PDB file of all heavy atoms in Angstrom:
ATOM      1  N   VAL A   1      18.921 -19.781 -23.837  1.00  0.00           N
ATOM      2  CA  VAL A   1      19.408 -19.304 -22.464  1.00  0.00           C
ATOM      3  C   VAL A   1      20.298 -18.116 -22.615  1.00  0.00           C
ATOM      4  O   VAL A   1      20.181 -17.023 -22.039  1.00  0.00           O
ATOM      5  CB  VAL A   1      19.792 -20.364 -21.499  1.00  0.00           C
ATOM      6  CG1 VAL A   1      20.281 -19.694 -20.243  1.00  0.00           C
ATOM      7  CG2 VAL A   1      18.682 -21.348 -21.273  1.00  0.00           C
ATOM      8  N   LEU A   2      21.357 -18.395 -23.470  1.00  0.00           N
ATOM      9  CA  LEU A   2      22.216 -17.262 -23.630  1.00  0.00           C
ATOM     10  C   LEU A   2      21.755 -16.041 -24.334  1.00  0.00           C
ATOM     11  O   LEU A   2      22.004 -14.921 -23.936  1.00  0.00           O
ATOM     12  CB  LEU A   2      23.514 -17.823 -24.620  1.00  0.00           C
ATOM     13  CG  LEU A   2      24.383 -18.976 -23.939  1.00  0.00           C
ATOM     14  CD1 LEU A   2      25.142 -19.639 -24.918  1.00  0.00           C
ATOM     15  CD2 LEU A   2      25.208 -18.267 -22.815  1.00  0.00           C
ATOM     16  N   ALA A   3      20.869 -16.334 -25.271  1.00  0.00           N
ATOM     17  CA  ALA A   3      20.115 -15.165 -25.775  1.00  0.00           C
ATOM     18  C   ALA A   3      19.385 -14.429 -24.889  1.00  0.00           C
ATOM     19  O   ALA A   3      19.154 -13.142 -24.757  1.00  0.00           O
ATOM     20  CB  ALA A   3      19.282 -15.602 -27.048  1.00  0.00           C
ATOM     21  N   ALA A   4      18.543 -15.175 -23.998  1.00  0.00           N
ATOM     22  CA  ALA A   4      17.752 -14.491 -23.003  1.00  0.00           C
ATOM     23  C   ALA A   4      18.556 -13.777 -22.000  1.00  0.00           C
ATOM     24  O   ALA A   4      18.094 -12.881 -21.436  1.00  0.00           O
ATOM     25  CB  ALA A   4      16.891 -15.601 -22.344  1.00  0.00           C
ATOM     26  N   ALA A   5      19.790 -14.120 -21.836  1.00  0.00           N
ATOM     27  CA  ALA A   5      20.703 -13.505 -20.752  1.00  0.00           C
ATOM     28  C   ALA A   5      21.611 -12.455 -21.433  1.00  0.00           C
ATOM     29  O   ALA A   5      22.302 -11.697 -20.699  1.00  0.00           O
ATOM     30  CB  ALA A   5      21.507 -14.597 -20.009  1.00  0.00           C
ATOM     31  N   SER A   6      21.636 -12.478 -22.755  1.00  0.00           N
ATOM     32  CA  SER A   6      22.740 -11.628 -23.474  1.00  0.00           C
ATOM     33  C   SER A   6      22.096 -10.765 -24.591  1.00  0.00           C
ATOM     34  O   SER A   6      21.321  -9.896 -24.278  1.00  0.00           O
ATOM     35  CB  SER A   6      23.842 -12.433 -23.966  1.00  0.00           C
ATOM     36  OG  SER A   6      24.731 -11.663 -24.643  1.00  0.00           O
ATOM     37  N   TRP A   7      22.327 -11.128 -25.848  1.00  0.00           N
ATOM     38  CA  TRP A   7      21.922 -10.273 -26.822  1.00  0.00           C
ATOM     39  C   TRP A   7      20.527 -10.030 -27.033  1.00  0.00           C
ATOM     40  O   TRP A   7      20.031  -8.784 -27.161  1.00  0.00           O
ATOM     41  CB  TRP A   7      22.522 -10.789 -28.193  1.00  0.00           C
ATOM     42  CG  TRP A   7      22.090 -12.272 -28.609  1.00  0.00           C
ATOM     43  CD1 TRP A   7      21.095 -12.570 -29.226  1.00  0.00           C
ATOM     44  CD2 TRP A   7      22.853 -13.382 -28.264  1.00  0.00           C
ATOM     45  NE1 TRP A   7      20.985 -14.005 -29.591  1.00  0.00           N
ATOM     46  CE2 TRP A   7      22.109 -14.495 -28.868  1.00  0.00           C
ATOM     47  CE3 TRP A   7      24.000 -13.729 -27.592  1.00  0.00           C
ATOM     48  CZ2 TRP A   7      22.497 -15.855 -28.716  1.00  0.00           C
ATOM     49  CZ3 TRP A   7      24.383 -14.928 -27.451  1.00  0.00           C
ATOM     50  CH2 TRP A   7      23.627 -16.045 -27.988  1.00  0.00           C
ATOM     51  N   ARG A   8      19.593 -10.978 -26.835  1.00  0.00           N
ATOM     52  CA  ARG A   8      18.131 -10.864 -26.949  1.00  0.00           C
ATOM     53  C   ARG A   8      17.641 -10.017 -25.782  1.00  0.00           C
ATOM     54  O   ARG A   8      16.823  -9.085 -25.874  1.00  0.00           O
ATOM     55  CB  ARG A   8      17.399 -12.056 -27.090  1.00  0.00           C
ATOM     56  CG  ARG A   8      16.037 -12.032 -27.553  1.00  0.00           C
ATOM     57  CD  ARG A   8      15.365 -13.302 -27.793  1.00  0.00           C
ATOM     58  NE  ARG A   8      16.086 -14.082 -28.852  1.00  0.00           N
ATOM     59  CZ  ARG A   8      16.156 -15.411 -28.841  1.00  0.00           C
ATOM     60  NH1 ARG A   8      15.654 -16.114 -27.796  1.00  0.00           N
ATOM     61  NH2 ARG A   8      16.859 -16.086 -29.792  1.00  0.00           N
ATOM     62  N   GLY A   9      18.049 -10.290 -24.495  1.00  0.00           N
ATOM     63  CA  GLY A   9      17.731  -9.540 -23.432  1.00  0.00           C
ATOM     64  C   GLY A   9      18.213  -8.136 -23.357  1.00  0.00           C
ATOM     65  O   GLY A   9      17.394  -7.246 -23.108  1.00  0.00           O
ATOM     66  N   ARG A  10      19.368  -7.888 -23.883  1.00  0.00           N
ATOM     67  CA  ARG A  10      19.841  -6.498 -23.966  1.00  0.00           C
ATOM     68  C   ARG A  10      18.975  -5.602 -25.046  1.00  0.00           C
ATOM     69  O   ARG A  10      18.668  -4.576 -24.738  1.00  0.00           O
ATOM     70  CB  ARG A  10      21.291  -6.555 -24.346  1.00  0.00           C
ATOM     71  CG  ARG A  10      22.277  -6.923 -23.357  1.00  0.00           C
ATOM     72  CD  ARG A  10      23.778  -6.880 -23.862  1.00  0.00           C
ATOM     73  NE  ARG A  10      24.140  -5.436 -23.911  1.00  0.00           N
ATOM     74  CZ  ARG A  10      24.827  -4.765 -23.053  1.00  0.00           C
ATOM     75  NH1 ARG A  10      24.989  -5.390 -21.800  1.00  0.00           N
ATOM     76  NH2 ARG A  10      25.096  -3.588 -23.327  1.00  0.00           N
ATOM     77  N   GLU A  11      18.649  -6.276 -26.014  1.00  0.00           N
ATOM     78  CA  GLU A  11      17.832  -5.609 -26.982  1.00  0.00           C
ATOM     79  C   GLU A  11      16.450  -5.236 -26.405  1.00  0.00           C
ATOM     80  O   GLU A  11      15.955  -4.195 -26.571  1.00  0.00           O
ATOM     81  CB  GLU A  11      17.532  -6.542 -28.182  1.00  0.00           C
ATOM     82  CG  GLU A  11      16.736  -5.896 -29.326  1.00  0.00           C
ATOM     83  CD  GLU A  11      16.384  -6.830 -30.465  1.00  0.00           C
ATOM     84  OE1 GLU A  11      16.883  -8.037 -30.460  1.00  0.00           O
ATOM     85  OE2 GLU A  11      15.910  -6.421 -31.490  1.00  0.00           O
ATOM     86  N   TRP A  12      15.822  -6.193 -25.626  1.00  0.00           N
ATOM     87  CA  TRP A  12      14.606  -5.997 -24.961  1.00  0.00           C
ATOM     88  C   TRP A  12      14.662  -4.800 -24.038  1.00  0.00           C
ATOM     89  O   TRP A  12      13.764  -3.897 -23.854  1.00  0.00           O
ATOM     90  CB  TRP A  12      14.221  -7.284 -24.325  1.00  0.00           C
ATOM     91  CG  TRP A  12      12.766  -7.107 -23.590  1.00  0.00           C
ATOM     92  CD1 TRP A  12      11.627  -6.900 -24.185  1.00  0.00           C
ATOM     93  CD2 TRP A  12      12.619  -7.431 -22.180  1.00  0.00           C
ATOM     94  NE1 TRP A  12      10.606  -6.896 -23.162  1.00  0.00           N
ATOM     95  CE2 TRP A  12      11.155  -7.270 -22.051  1.00  0.00           C
ATOM     96  CE3 TRP A  12      13.408  -7.726 -21.051  1.00  0.00           C
ATOM     97  CZ2 TRP A  12      10.533  -7.419 -20.716  1.00  0.00           C
ATOM     98  CZ3 TRP A  12      12.687  -7.854 -19.851  1.00  0.00           C
ATOM     99  CH2 TRP A  12      11.372  -7.660 -19.642  1.00  0.00           C
ATOM    100  N   LEU A  13      15.793  -4.597 -23.368  1.00  0.00           N
ATOM    101  CA  LEU A  13      15.926  -3.606 -22.317  1.00  0.00           C
ATOM    102  C   LEU A  13      16.375  -2.363 -22.995  1.00  0.00           C
ATOM    103  O   LEU A  13      16.461  -1.309 -22.424  1.00  0.00           O
ATOM    104  CB  LEU A  13      16.943  -4.013 -21.140  1.00  0.00           C
ATOM    105  CG  LEU A  13      16.578  -5.112 -20.285  1.00  0.00           C
ATOM    106  CD1 LEU A  13      17.613  -5.406 -19.269  1.00  0.00           C
ATOM    107  CD2 LEU A  13      15.114  -4.758 -19.540  1.00  0.00           C
ATOM    108  N   GLY A  14      16.775  -2.313 -24.312  1.00  0.00           N
ATOM    109  CA  GLY A  14      17.206  -1.125 -24.945  1.00  0.00           C
ATOM    110  C   GLY A  14      18.691  -0.806 -24.865  1.00  0.00           C
ATOM    111  O   GLY A  14      19.103   0.362 -25.125  1.00  0.00           O
ATOM    112  N   PHE A  15      19.429  -1.934 -24.637  1.00  0.00           N
ATOM    113  CA  PHE A  15      21.014  -1.706 -24.661  1.00  0.00           C
ATOM    114  C   PHE A  15      21.597  -2.494 -25.750  1.00  0.00           C
ATOM    115  O   PHE A  15      21.667  -3.778 -25.696  1.00  0.00           O
ATOM    116  CB  PHE A  15      21.415  -2.183 -23.188  1.00  0.00           C
ATOM    117  CG  PHE A  15      20.762  -1.573 -22.048  1.00  0.00           C
ATOM    118  CD1 PHE A  15      20.178  -2.224 -21.197  1.00  0.00           C
ATOM    119  CD2 PHE A  15      20.939  -0.118 -21.930  1.00  0.00           C
ATOM    120  CE1 PHE A  15      19.618  -1.540 -20.006  1.00  0.00           C
ATOM    121  CE2 PHE A  15      20.402   0.486 -20.843  1.00  0.00           C
ATOM    122  CZ  PHE A  15      19.764  -0.217 -19.900  1.00  0.00           C
ATOM    123  N   PRO A  16      22.008  -1.734 -26.785  1.00  0.00           N
ATOM    124  CA  PRO A  16      22.451  -2.596 -28.024  1.00  0.00           C
ATOM    125  C   PRO A  16      23.685  -3.385 -27.681  1.00  0.00           C
ATOM    126  O   PRO A  16      24.507  -3.077 -26.787  1.00  0.00           O
ATOM    127  CB  PRO A  16      23.006  -1.467 -28.947  1.00  0.00           C
ATOM    128  CG  PRO A  16      22.041  -0.277 -28.545  1.00  0.00           C
ATOM    129  CD  PRO A  16      21.956  -0.410 -26.982  1.00  0.00           C
ATOM    130  N   GLY A  17      23.849  -4.583 -28.315  1.00  0.00           N
ATOM    131  CA  GLY A  17      24.860  -5.475 -28.146  1.00  0.00           C
ATOM    132  C   GLY A  17      26.072  -5.151 -28.882  1.00  0.00           C
ATOM    133  O   GLY A  17      26.375  -4.055 -29.304  1.00  0.00           O
ATOM    134  N   LEU A  18      26.801  -6.255 -29.347  1.00  0.00           N
ATOM    135  CA  LEU A  18      28.069  -6.108 -30.058  1.00  0.00           C
ATOM    136  C   LEU A  18      27.836  -5.932 -31.504  1.00  0.00           C
ATOM    137  O   LEU A  18      28.079  -6.760 -32.409  1.00  0.00           O
ATOM    138  CB  LEU A  18      29.016  -7.189 -29.734  1.00  0.00           C
ATOM    139  CG  LEU A  18      29.346  -7.399 -28.281  1.00  0.00           C
ATOM    140  CD1 LEU A  18      30.261  -8.489 -27.967  1.00  0.00           C
ATOM    141  CD2 LEU A  18      30.043  -6.009 -27.764  1.00  0.00           C
ATOM    142  N   VAL A  19      27.185  -4.784 -31.994  1.00  0.00           N
ATOM    143  CA  VAL A  19      26.996  -4.475 -33.274  1.00  0.00           C
ATOM    144  C   VAL A  19      27.725  -3.233 -33.678  1.00  0.00           C
ATOM    145  O   VAL A  19      28.156  -2.357 -32.671  1.00  0.00           O
ATOM    146  CB  VAL A  19      25.492  -4.431 -33.562  1.00  0.00           C
ATOM    147  CG1 VAL A  19      24.775  -5.687 -33.331  1.00  0.00           C
ATOM    148  CG2 VAL A  19      24.870  -3.238 -32.594  1.00  0.00           C
ATOM    149  N   GLU A  20      27.883  -2.780 -34.922  1.00  0.00           N
ATOM    150  CA  GLU A  20      28.420  -1.613 -35.220  1.00  0.00           C
ATOM    151  C   GLU A  20      27.796  -0.360 -34.618  1.00  0.00           C
ATOM    152  O   GLU A  20      26.586  -0.271 -34.724  1.00  0.00           O
ATOM    153  CB  GLU A  20      28.465  -1.367 -36.880  1.00  0.00           C
ATOM    154  CG  GLU A  20      29.160  -0.105 -37.268  1.00  0.00           C
ATOM    155  CD  GLU A  20      30.665  -0.206 -36.967  1.00  0.00           C
ATOM    156  OE1 GLU A  20      31.226  -1.219 -37.269  1.00  0.00           O
ATOM    157  OE2 GLU A  20      31.237   0.774 -36.714  1.00  0.00           O
ATOM    158  N   GLY A  21      28.538   0.334 -33.822  1.00  0.00           N
ATOM    159  CA  GLY A  21      27.990   1.451 -33.071  1.00  0.00           C
ATOM    160  C   GLY A  21      27.383   1.032 -31.670  1.00  0.00           C
ATOM    161  O   GLY A  21      26.825   1.923 -31.129  1.00  0.00           O
ATOM    162  N   GLY A  22      27.358  -0.282 -31.475  1.00  0.00           N
ATOM    163  CA  GLY A  22      26.693  -0.775 -30.226  1.00  0.00           C
ATOM    164  C   GLY A  22      27.607  -0.401 -29.096  1.00  0.00           C
ATOM    165  O   GLY A  22      28.587   0.377 -29.015  1.00  0.00           O
ATOM    166  N   LEU A  23      27.119  -0.900 -27.839  1.00  0.00           N
ATOM    167  CA  LEU A  23      27.734  -0.556 -26.485  1.00  0.00           C
ATOM    168  C   LEU A  23      28.788  -1.550 -26.236  1.00  0.00           C
ATOM    169  O   LEU A  23      28.765  -2.672 -26.412  1.00  0.00           O
ATOM    170  CB  LEU A  23      26.711  -0.565 -25.378  1.00  0.00           C
ATOM    171  CG  LEU A  23      25.515   0.380 -25.598  1.00  0.00           C
ATOM    172  CD1 LEU A  23      24.419   0.226 -24.548  1.00  0.00           C
ATOM    173  CD2 LEU A  23      26.026   1.818 -25.544  1.00  0.00           C
ATOM    174  N   ALA A  24      29.974  -0.982 -25.595  1.00  0.00           N
ATOM    175  CA  ALA A  24      31.138  -1.641 -25.372  1.00  0.00           C
ATOM    176  C   ALA A  24      31.003  -2.460 -24.025  1.00  0.00           C
ATOM    177  O   ALA A  24      31.784  -2.194 -23.068  1.00  0.00           O
ATOM    178  CB  ALA A  24      32.345  -0.730 -25.396  1.00  0.00           C
ATOM    179  N   ASP A  25      30.179  -3.450 -23.919  1.00  0.00           N
ATOM    180  CA  ASP A  25      29.923  -4.360 -22.901  1.00  0.00           C
ATOM    181  C   ASP A  25      30.191  -5.607 -23.398  1.00  0.00           C
ATOM    182  O   ASP A  25      29.385  -6.115 -24.375  1.00  0.00           O
ATOM    183  CB  ASP A  25      28.478  -4.181 -22.241  1.00  0.00           C
ATOM    184  CG  ASP A  25      28.160  -2.766 -21.873  1.00  0.00           C
ATOM    185  OD1 ASP A  25      29.085  -1.908 -21.644  1.00  0.00           O
ATOM    186  OD2 ASP A  25      26.980  -2.588 -21.668  1.00  0.00           O
ATOM    187  N   LEU A  26      30.942  -6.467 -22.816  1.00  0.00           N
ATOM    188  CA  LEU A  26      31.220  -7.815 -23.196  1.00  0.00           C
ATOM    189  C   LEU A  26      31.664  -8.728 -22.147  1.00  0.00           C
ATOM    190  O   LEU A  26      32.301  -8.279 -21.287  1.00  0.00           O
ATOM    191  CB  LEU A  26      32.177  -7.915 -24.521  1.00  0.00           C
ATOM    192  CG  LEU A  26      33.499  -7.395 -24.481  1.00  0.00           C
ATOM    193  CD1 LEU A  26      34.452  -8.458 -23.818  1.00  0.00           C
ATOM    194  CD2 LEU A  26      33.985  -6.913 -25.752  1.00  0.00           C
ATOM    195  N   VAL A  27      31.439 -10.062 -22.229  1.00  0.00           N
ATOM    196  CA  VAL A  27      32.088 -11.087 -21.595  1.00  0.00           C
ATOM    197  C   VAL A  27      32.711 -12.130 -22.387  1.00  0.00           C
ATOM    198  O   VAL A  27      32.220 -12.325 -23.485  1.00  0.00           O
ATOM    199  CB  VAL A  27      30.993 -11.738 -20.570  1.00  0.00           C
ATOM    200  CG1 VAL A  27      30.584 -10.788 -19.521  1.00  0.00           C
ATOM    201  CG2 VAL A  27      29.819 -12.247 -21.304  1.00  0.00           C
ATOM    202  N   VAL A  28      33.750 -12.773 -21.980  1.00  0.00           N
ATOM    203  CA  VAL A  28      34.465 -13.670 -22.693  1.00  0.00           C
ATOM    204  C   VAL A  28      34.710 -14.890 -21.848  1.00  0.00           C
ATOM    205  O   VAL A  28      35.152 -14.904 -20.730  1.00  0.00           O
ATOM    206  CB  VAL A  28      35.856 -13.157 -23.246  1.00  0.00           C
ATOM    207  CG1 VAL A  28      36.598 -14.172 -24.062  1.00  0.00           C
ATOM    208  CG2 VAL A  28      35.794 -11.732 -23.963  1.00  0.00           C
ATOM    209  N   TYR A  29      34.410 -16.047 -22.477  1.00  0.00           N
ATOM    210  CA  TYR A  29      34.479 -17.412 -21.785  1.00  0.00           C
ATOM    211  C   TYR A  29      35.516 -18.245 -22.548  1.00  0.00           C
ATOM    212  O   TYR A  29      35.577 -18.313 -23.818  1.00  0.00           O
ATOM    213  CB  TYR A  29      33.231 -18.070 -21.794  1.00  0.00           C
ATOM    214  CG  TYR A  29      32.035 -17.219 -21.051  1.00  0.00           C
ATOM    215  CD1 TYR A  29      31.145 -16.594 -21.825  1.00  0.00           C
ATOM    216  CD2 TYR A  29      32.083 -17.281 -19.645  1.00  0.00           C
ATOM    217  CE1 TYR A  29      30.176 -15.922 -21.124  1.00  0.00           C
ATOM    218  CE2 TYR A  29      31.001 -16.514 -18.975  1.00  0.00           C
ATOM    219  CZ  TYR A  29      30.101 -15.746 -19.771  1.00  0.00           C
ATOM    220  OH  TYR A  29      29.202 -15.126 -19.145  1.00  0.00           O
ATOM    221  N   PRO A  30      36.353 -18.962 -21.793  1.00  0.00           N
ATOM    222  CA  PRO A  30      37.438 -19.733 -22.463  1.00  0.00           C
ATOM    223  C   PRO A  30      36.781 -20.916 -23.247  1.00  0.00           C
ATOM    224  O   PRO A  30      37.383 -21.278 -24.375  1.00  0.00           O
ATOM    225  CB  PRO A  30      38.366 -20.223 -21.322  1.00  0.00           C
ATOM    226  CG  PRO A  30      38.009 -19.208 -20.228  1.00  0.00           C
ATOM    227  CD  PRO A  30      36.674 -18.766 -20.418  1.00  0.00           C
ATOM    228  N   GLU A  31      35.709 -21.465 -22.624  1.00  0.00           N
ATOM    229  CA  GLU A  31      35.110 -22.601 -23.297  1.00  0.00           C
ATOM    230  C   GLU A  31      33.731 -22.086 -23.953  1.00  0.00           C
ATOM    231  O   GLU A  31      33.137 -21.105 -23.486  1.00  0.00           O
ATOM    232  CB  GLU A  31      34.897 -23.711 -22.114  1.00  0.00           C
ATOM    233  CG  GLU A  31      36.113 -24.088 -21.512  1.00  0.00           C
ATOM    234  CD  GLU A  31      37.187 -24.652 -22.392  1.00  0.00           C
ATOM    235  OE1 GLU A  31      36.783 -25.292 -23.381  1.00  0.00           O
ATOM    236  OE2 GLU A  31      38.435 -24.501 -22.017  1.00  0.00           O
ATOM    237  N   ASP A  32      33.239 -22.902 -24.790  1.00  0.00           N
ATOM    238  CA  ASP A  32      31.961 -22.704 -25.494  1.00  0.00           C
ATOM    239  C   ASP A  32      30.762 -22.843 -24.582  1.00  0.00           C
ATOM    240  O   ASP A  32      30.416 -24.005 -24.188  1.00  0.00           O
ATOM    241  CB  ASP A  32      31.838 -23.515 -26.776  1.00  0.00           C
ATOM    242  CG  ASP A  32      30.582 -23.146 -27.631  1.00  0.00           C
ATOM    243  OD1 ASP A  32      29.868 -22.269 -27.260  1.00  0.00           O
ATOM    244  OD2 ASP A  32      30.598 -23.601 -28.734  1.00  0.00           O
ATOM    245  N   PRO A  33      30.004 -21.829 -24.171  1.00  0.00           N
ATOM    246  CA  PRO A  33      28.925 -21.993 -23.288  1.00  0.00           C
ATOM    247  C   PRO A  33      27.804 -22.685 -23.918  1.00  0.00           C
ATOM    248  O   PRO A  33      26.942 -23.176 -23.287  1.00  0.00           O
ATOM    249  CB  PRO A  33      28.484 -20.619 -22.906  1.00  0.00           C
ATOM    250  CG  PRO A  33      29.092 -19.776 -23.996  1.00  0.00           C
ATOM    251  CD  PRO A  33      30.317 -20.345 -24.559  1.00  0.00           C
ATOM    252  N   ARG A  34      27.812 -22.789 -25.183  1.00  0.00           N
ATOM    253  CA  ARG A  34      26.724 -23.464 -25.953  1.00  0.00           C
ATOM    254  C   ARG A  34      26.854 -25.089 -25.758  1.00  0.00           C
ATOM    255  O   ARG A  34      25.937 -25.760 -25.740  1.00  0.00           O
ATOM    256  CB  ARG A  34      26.642 -23.200 -27.482  1.00  0.00           C
ATOM    257  CG  ARG A  34      26.318 -21.738 -27.769  1.00  0.00           C
ATOM    258  CD  ARG A  34      26.697 -21.352 -29.195  1.00  0.00           C
ATOM    259  NE  ARG A  34      28.104 -21.643 -29.474  1.00  0.00           N
ATOM    260  CZ  ARG A  34      28.576 -21.548 -30.820  1.00  0.00           C
ATOM    261  NH1 ARG A  34      27.865 -21.205 -31.710  1.00  0.00           N
ATOM    262  NH2 ARG A  34      29.864 -21.807 -30.904  1.00  0.00           N
ATOM    263  N   ALA A  35      28.150 -25.433 -25.605  1.00  0.00           N
ATOM    264  CA  ALA A  35      28.373 -26.856 -25.479  1.00  0.00           C
ATOM    265  C   ALA A  35      28.331 -27.290 -24.069  1.00  0.00           C
ATOM    266  O   ALA A  35      27.883 -28.321 -23.661  1.00  0.00           O
ATOM    267  CB  ALA A  35      29.808 -27.151 -25.940  1.00  0.00           C
ATOM    268  N   ASP A  36      28.527 -26.417 -23.084  1.00  0.00           N
ATOM    269  CA  ASP A  36      28.459 -26.554 -21.679  1.00  0.00           C
ATOM    270  C   ASP A  36      28.205 -25.291 -20.995  1.00  0.00           C
ATOM    271  O   ASP A  36      29.026 -24.482 -20.804  1.00  0.00           O
ATOM    272  CB  ASP A  36      29.718 -27.233 -21.095  1.00  0.00           C
ATOM    273  CG  ASP A  36      29.509 -27.536 -19.668  1.00  0.00           C
ATOM    274  OD1 ASP A  36      28.562 -27.246 -19.011  1.00  0.00           O
ATOM    275  OD2 ASP A  36      30.399 -28.365 -19.115  1.00  0.00           O
ATOM    276  N   LEU A  37      26.851 -25.126 -20.611  1.00  0.00           N
ATOM    277  CA  LEU A  37      26.378 -23.810 -20.199  1.00  0.00           C
ATOM    278  C   LEU A  37      26.916 -23.460 -18.826  1.00  0.00           C
ATOM    279  O   LEU A  37      27.037 -22.244 -18.449  1.00  0.00           O
ATOM    280  CB  LEU A  37      24.765 -23.876 -20.056  1.00  0.00           C
ATOM    281  CG  LEU A  37      24.155 -22.489 -19.874  1.00  0.00           C
ATOM    282  CD1 LEU A  37      24.467 -21.631 -20.962  1.00  0.00           C
ATOM    283  CD2 LEU A  37      22.585 -22.706 -19.622  1.00  0.00           C
TER     284      LEU A  37
END
């Protein structure tokens, strides 16, 4: 789900993620969303 909403979805739309030279768009969560979405 995180991939569908973030790195994989961005790639599909043509907006690079947090890779070298990528776009400076990010979100930060205090807790691990993989453990509790």
